[in-house]
Amino acid sequence: MTILIADDDRGLVLLLSKHLLKRGFEVTGAYDAMQAYHAAIRQSVDAVILDLSMPAGTGYEVLKRMRANLKSSLIPVIVLNVSHTPTPWAFACRFESPRGGGFS
């Protein structure tokens, strides 16, 4: 199983990669939104760990484009976001899967 880790923090990509490799996964990395989207549609990945705040676009844009593309629409995505400053509000986004289900 190949996992794409998309995050502009190269140290975090390396850390996650080491842990996943030890557990038998294959790992590929992307360091901005455009690289992430292209890797998701061009490489044979089984899952994506996706940062929301990246250069060259946002994780939201990557996820929206992935869901609109038949090659990547069914790839499971784990959304990851690290904030160094607390925010006084929280929000939830609902993403619909192509099969009609969704998650919040």
N, C-alpha and C. Protein backbone atom coordinates (compact mmCIF):
# COMPACT_ATOMS: atom_id res chain seq x y z
N MET A 1 0.85 -1.17 0.00
CA MET A 1 0.00 0.00 0.00
C MET A 1 0.90 1.24 0.00
N THR A 2 0.62 2.17 -0.90
CA THR A 2 1.41 3.40 -1.02
C THR A 2 0.62 4.58 -0.49
N ILE A 3 1.27 5.36 0.37
CA ILE A 3 0.64 6.53 0.96
C ILE A 3 1.38 7.78 0.51
N LEU A 4 0.63 8.76 0.04
CA LEU A 4 1.17 10.06 -0.33
C LEU A 4 1.05 10.97 0.89
N ILE A 5 2.17 11.55 1.31
CA ILE A 5 2.17 12.53 2.39
C ILE A 5 2.40 13.89 1.75
N ALA A 6 1.42 14.77 1.86
CA ALA A 6 1.48 16.09 1.24
C ALA A 6 1.53 17.15 2.34
N ASP A 7 2.71 17.72 2.53
CA ASP A 7 2.90 18.74 3.56
C ASP A 7 4.14 19.55 3.19
N ASP A 8 4.09 20.85 3.40
CA ASP A 8 5.24 21.68 3.09
C ASP A 8 6.33 21.59 4.17
N ASP A 9 6.02 20.99 5.30
CA ASP A 9 7.00 20.77 6.37
C ASP A 9 7.76 19.48 6.06
N ARG A 10 8.94 19.62 5.48
CA ARG A 10 9.71 18.44 5.06
C ARG A 10 10.09 17.55 6.24
N GLY A 11 10.30 18.16 7.39
CA GLY A 11 10.62 17.39 8.58
C GLY A 11 9.46 16.49 9.00
N LEU A 12 8.24 17.00 8.90
CA LEU A 12 7.07 16.21 9.23
C LEU A 12 6.87 15.08 8.22
N VAL A 13 7.08 15.39 6.95
CA VAL A 13 6.98 14.35 5.91
C VAL A 13 7.99 13.24 6.20
N LEU A 14 9.21 13.61 6.57
CA LEU A 14 10.24 12.62 6.89
C LEU A 14 9.85 11.80 8.12
N LEU A 15 9.37 12.44 9.16
CA LEU A 15 8.96 11.75 10.38
C LEU A 15 7.83 10.75 10.11
N LEU A 16 6.78 11.21 9.43
CA LEU A 16 5.67 10.32 9.10
C LEU A 16 6.12 9.18 8.19
N SER A 17 6.98 9.51 7.24
CA SER A 17 7.50 8.49 6.31
C SER A 17 8.23 7.39 7.06
N LYS A 18 9.08 7.77 8.00
CA LYS A 18 9.84 6.77 8.77
C LYS A 18 8.90 5.82 9.51
N HIS A 19 7.87 6.38 10.15
CA HIS A 19 6.93 5.55 10.89
C HIS A 19 6.14 4.62 9.97
N LEU A 20 5.72 5.14 8.83
CA LEU A 20 4.94 4.32 7.90
C LEU A 20 5.80 3.25 7.23
N LEU A 21 7.03 3.59 6.88
CA LEU A 21 7.93 2.62 6.28
C LEU A 21 8.21 1.46 7.23
N LYS A 22 8.38 1.77 8.53
CA LYS A 22 8.61 0.72 9.53
C LYS A 22 7.43 -0.25 9.60
N ARG A 23 6.25 0.22 9.24
CA ARG A 23 5.05 -0.60 9.31
C ARG A 23 4.70 -1.24 7.97
N GLY A 24 5.63 -1.15 7.02
CA GLY A 24 5.46 -1.87 5.77
C GLY A 24 4.79 -1.10 4.64
N PHE A 25 4.51 0.18 4.82
CA PHE A 25 3.90 0.98 3.77
C PHE A 25 4.97 1.54 2.85
N GLU A 26 4.61 1.77 1.61
CA GLU A 26 5.44 2.55 0.71
C GLU A 26 4.97 3.99 0.83
N VAL A 27 5.90 4.92 0.70
CA VAL A 27 5.57 6.33 0.93
C VAL A 27 6.14 7.18 -0.19
N THR A 28 5.36 8.17 -0.58
CA THR A 28 5.83 9.19 -1.50
C THR A 28 5.46 10.54 -0.89
N GLY A 29 6.24 11.57 -1.21
CA GLY A 29 6.00 12.89 -0.62
C GLY A 29 5.73 13.96 -1.65
N ALA A 30 4.98 14.97 -1.22
CA ALA A 30 4.73 16.16 -2.03
C ALA A 30 4.81 17.35 -1.07
N TYR A 31 5.36 18.47 -1.54
CA TYR A 31 5.65 19.58 -0.65
C TYR A 31 4.88 20.86 -0.94
N ASP A 32 3.99 20.80 -1.93
CA ASP A 32 3.07 21.90 -2.16
C ASP A 32 1.79 21.34 -2.79
N ALA A 33 0.79 22.18 -2.91
CA ALA A 33 -0.52 21.71 -3.36
C ALA A 33 -0.50 21.15 -4.78
N MET A 34 0.23 21.79 -5.68
CA MET A 34 0.27 21.31 -7.06
C MET A 34 0.96 19.95 -7.15
N GLN A 35 2.07 19.79 -6.43
CA GLN A 35 2.75 18.49 -6.40
C GLN A 35 1.82 17.42 -5.85
N ALA A 36 1.08 17.77 -4.80
CA ALA A 36 0.17 16.81 -4.18
C ALA A 36 -0.90 16.35 -5.16
N TYR A 37 -1.52 17.29 -5.83
CA TYR A 37 -2.59 16.93 -6.78
C TYR A 37 -2.03 16.06 -7.91
N HIS A 38 -0.92 16.47 -8.49
CA HIS A 38 -0.34 15.70 -9.60
C HIS A 38 0.10 14.31 -9.15
N ALA A 39 0.65 14.20 -7.95
CA ALA A 39 1.04 12.89 -7.44
C ALA A 39 -0.19 12.00 -7.24
N ALA A 40 -1.27 12.59 -6.74
CA ALA A 40 -2.49 11.81 -6.50
C ALA A 40 -3.09 11.25 -7.78
N ILE A 41 -3.00 11.99 -8.88
CA ILE A 41 -3.61 11.50 -10.12
C ILE A 41 -2.63 10.73 -11.01
N ARG A 42 -1.33 10.95 -10.84
CA ARG A 42 -0.36 10.30 -11.73
C ARG A 42 0.32 9.08 -11.13
N GLN A 43 0.43 9.05 -9.81
CA GLN A 43 1.07 7.92 -9.16
C GLN A 43 -0.02 6.98 -8.65
N SER A 44 0.38 5.79 -8.40
CA SER A 44 -0.58 4.80 -7.91
C SER A 44 -0.57 4.83 -6.37
N VAL A 45 -1.32 5.78 -5.79
CA VAL A 45 -1.37 5.89 -4.33
C VAL A 45 -2.69 5.32 -3.82
N ASP A 46 -2.62 4.74 -2.63
CA ASP A 46 -3.79 4.11 -2.03
C ASP A 46 -4.46 5.00 -0.98
N ALA A 47 -3.72 5.98 -0.47
CA ALA A 47 -4.25 6.91 0.53
C ALA A 47 -3.39 8.16 0.53
N VAL A 48 -3.96 9.25 1.05
CA VAL A 48 -3.26 10.53 1.10
C VAL A 48 -3.38 11.10 2.50
N ILE A 49 -2.26 11.58 3.03
CA ILE A 49 -2.26 12.40 4.23
C ILE A 49 -2.02 13.82 3.73
N LEU A 50 -2.98 14.71 3.93
CA LEU A 50 -3.00 16.01 3.26
C LEU A 50 -3.03 17.16 4.25
N ASP A 51 -2.03 18.02 4.17
CA ASP A 51 -2.00 19.26 4.95
C ASP A 51 -2.92 20.28 4.30
N LEU A 52 -3.58 21.08 5.11
CA LEU A 52 -4.48 22.09 4.56
C LEU A 52 -3.76 23.36 4.14
N SER A 53 -2.64 23.67 4.78
CA SER A 53 -1.93 24.93 4.52
C SER A 53 -0.60 24.64 3.84
N MET A 54 -0.59 24.81 2.51
CA MET A 54 0.61 24.56 1.74
C MET A 54 0.80 25.67 0.71
N PRO A 55 2.02 25.82 0.21
CA PRO A 55 2.23 26.76 -0.90
C PRO A 55 1.58 26.25 -2.19
N ALA A 56 1.41 27.13 -3.14
CA ALA A 56 0.86 26.82 -4.47
C ALA A 56 -0.56 26.27 -4.40
N GLY A 57 -1.34 26.74 -3.44
CA GLY A 57 -2.73 26.31 -3.28
C GLY A 57 -2.95 25.77 -1.87
N THR A 58 -4.17 25.37 -1.59
CA THR A 58 -4.48 24.84 -0.26
C THR A 58 -4.85 23.36 -0.36
N GLY A 59 -4.81 22.70 0.78
CA GLY A 59 -5.26 21.32 0.84
C GLY A 59 -6.72 21.17 0.45
N TYR A 60 -7.53 22.19 0.78
CA TYR A 60 -8.93 22.18 0.38
C TYR A 60 -9.06 22.10 -1.14
N GLU A 61 -8.24 22.90 -1.83
CA GLU A 61 -8.28 22.89 -3.30
C GLU A 61 -7.83 21.54 -3.85
N VAL A 62 -6.79 20.96 -3.24
CA VAL A 62 -6.32 19.65 -3.67
C VAL A 62 -7.43 18.61 -3.51
N LEU A 63 -8.07 18.61 -2.35
CA LEU A 63 -9.13 17.64 -2.09
C LEU A 63 -10.30 17.83 -3.06
N LYS A 64 -10.68 19.06 -3.30
CA LYS A 64 -11.78 19.33 -4.23
C LYS A 64 -11.44 18.83 -5.63
N ARG A 65 -10.21 19.08 -6.09
CA ARG A 65 -9.79 18.63 -7.42
C ARG A 65 -9.67 17.11 -7.48
N MET A 66 -9.19 16.50 -6.39
CA MET A 66 -9.11 15.04 -6.35
C MET A 66 -10.49 14.42 -6.47
N ARG A 67 -11.46 14.96 -5.77
CA ARG A 67 -12.81 14.40 -5.79
C ARG A 67 -13.48 14.59 -7.15
N ALA A 68 -13.05 15.60 -7.90
CA ALA A 68 -13.64 15.86 -9.22
C ALA A 68 -12.99 15.02 -10.32
N ASN A 69 -11.86 14.37 -10.04
CA ASN A 69 -11.13 13.60 -11.03
C ASN A 69 -11.40 12.11 -10.82
N LEU A 70 -11.80 11.41 -11.87
CA LEU A 70 -12.12 9.98 -11.75
C LEU A 70 -10.94 9.15 -11.26
N LYS A 71 -9.71 9.54 -11.61
CA LYS A 71 -8.54 8.77 -11.20
C LYS A 71 -8.28 8.84 -9.69
N SER A 72 -8.74 9.91 -9.06
CA SER A 72 -8.41 10.10 -7.65
C SER A 72 -9.63 10.27 -6.75
N SER A 73 -10.82 10.18 -7.31
CA SER A 73 -12.03 10.49 -6.55
C SER A 73 -12.30 9.54 -5.39
N LEU A 74 -11.81 8.32 -5.46
CA LEU A 74 -12.09 7.34 -4.41
C LEU A 74 -10.91 7.11 -3.45
N ILE A 75 -9.82 7.84 -3.63
CA ILE A 75 -8.67 7.67 -2.75
C ILE A 75 -9.01 8.24 -1.37
N PRO A 76 -8.84 7.45 -0.32
CA PRO A 76 -9.09 7.97 1.03
C PRO A 76 -8.09 9.06 1.39
N VAL A 77 -8.56 10.10 2.07
CA VAL A 77 -7.73 11.23 2.45
C VAL A 77 -7.86 11.48 3.94
N ILE A 78 -6.71 11.60 4.60
CA ILE A 78 -6.66 12.04 6.00
C ILE A 78 -6.18 13.48 5.97
N VAL A 79 -6.99 14.38 6.50
CA VAL A 79 -6.64 15.80 6.50
C VAL A 79 -5.84 16.09 7.76
N LEU A 80 -4.72 16.76 7.57
CA LEU A 80 -3.81 17.09 8.65
C LEU A 80 -3.57 18.59 8.62
N ASN A 81 -3.68 19.22 9.79
CA ASN A 81 -3.39 20.64 9.86
C ASN A 81 -2.80 20.95 11.23
N VAL A 82 -1.65 21.56 11.22
CA VAL A 82 -1.00 21.93 12.47
C VAL A 82 -1.02 23.45 12.55
N SER A 83 -1.59 23.95 13.62
CA SER A 83 -1.64 25.39 13.83
C SER A 83 -0.83 25.73 15.06
N HIS A 84 0.04 26.69 14.93
CA HIS A 84 0.86 27.10 16.07
C HIS A 84 0.18 28.19 16.89
N THR A 85 -0.93 28.70 16.37
CA THR A 85 -1.66 29.71 17.13
C THR A 85 -3.09 29.22 17.33
N PRO A 86 -3.59 29.25 18.55
CA PRO A 86 -4.96 28.80 18.77
C PRO A 86 -5.97 29.74 18.11
N THR A 87 -7.04 29.17 17.62
CA THR A 87 -8.09 29.98 17.01
C THR A 87 -9.32 29.95 17.90
N PRO A 88 -10.06 31.05 17.99
CA PRO A 88 -11.22 31.10 18.87
C PRO A 88 -12.46 30.45 18.27
N TRP A 89 -12.33 29.90 17.09
CA TRP A 89 -13.49 29.31 16.43
C TRP A 89 -13.10 27.99 15.79
N ALA A 90 -14.05 27.20 15.54
CA ALA A 90 -13.83 25.93 14.84
C ALA A 90 -14.90 25.80 13.77
N PHE A 91 -14.59 25.05 12.75
CA PHE A 91 -15.58 24.83 11.70
C PHE A 91 -15.46 23.40 11.19
N ALA A 92 -16.50 22.96 10.61
CA ALA A 92 -16.51 21.62 10.02
C ALA A 92 -16.94 21.74 8.57
N CYS A 93 -16.24 21.04 7.71
CA CYS A 93 -16.59 21.02 6.29
C CYS A 93 -17.12 19.64 5.96
N ARG A 94 -18.14 19.60 5.18
CA ARG A 94 -18.70 18.31 4.78
C ARG A 94 -18.28 18.04 3.33
N PHE A 95 -17.62 16.91 3.13
CA PHE A 95 -17.19 16.51 1.80
C PHE A 95 -18.00 15.29 1.41
N GLU A 96 -18.62 15.34 0.28
CA GLU A 96 -19.42 14.23 -0.21
C GLU A 96 -18.54 13.26 -0.97
N SER A 97 -18.73 12.00 -0.75
CA SER A 97 -17.99 11.00 -1.53
C SER A 97 -18.77 10.72 -2.81
N PRO A 98 -18.10 10.23 -3.83
CA PRO A 98 -18.78 9.91 -5.09
C PRO A 98 -19.85 8.83 -4.92
N ARG A 99 -19.78 8.08 -3.83
CA ARG A 99 -20.76 7.03 -3.61
C ARG A 99 -22.00 7.54 -2.89
N GLY A 100 -22.06 8.81 -2.60
CA GLY A 100 -23.26 9.37 -1.98
C GLY A 100 -23.16 9.57 -0.49
N GLY A 101 -22.19 8.93 0.16
CA GLY A 101 -22.00 9.13 1.59
C GLY A 101 -21.18 10.37 1.83
N GLY A 102 -20.94 10.70 3.04
CA GLY A 102 -20.11 11.86 3.34
C GLY A 102 -19.54 11.74 4.72
N PHE A 103 -18.72 12.67 5.07
CA PHE A 103 -18.21 12.73 6.43
C PHE A 103 -18.07 14.18 6.83
N SER A 104 -18.11 14.41 8.10
CA SER A 104 -17.98 15.78 8.61
C SER A 104 -16.75 15.90 9.45
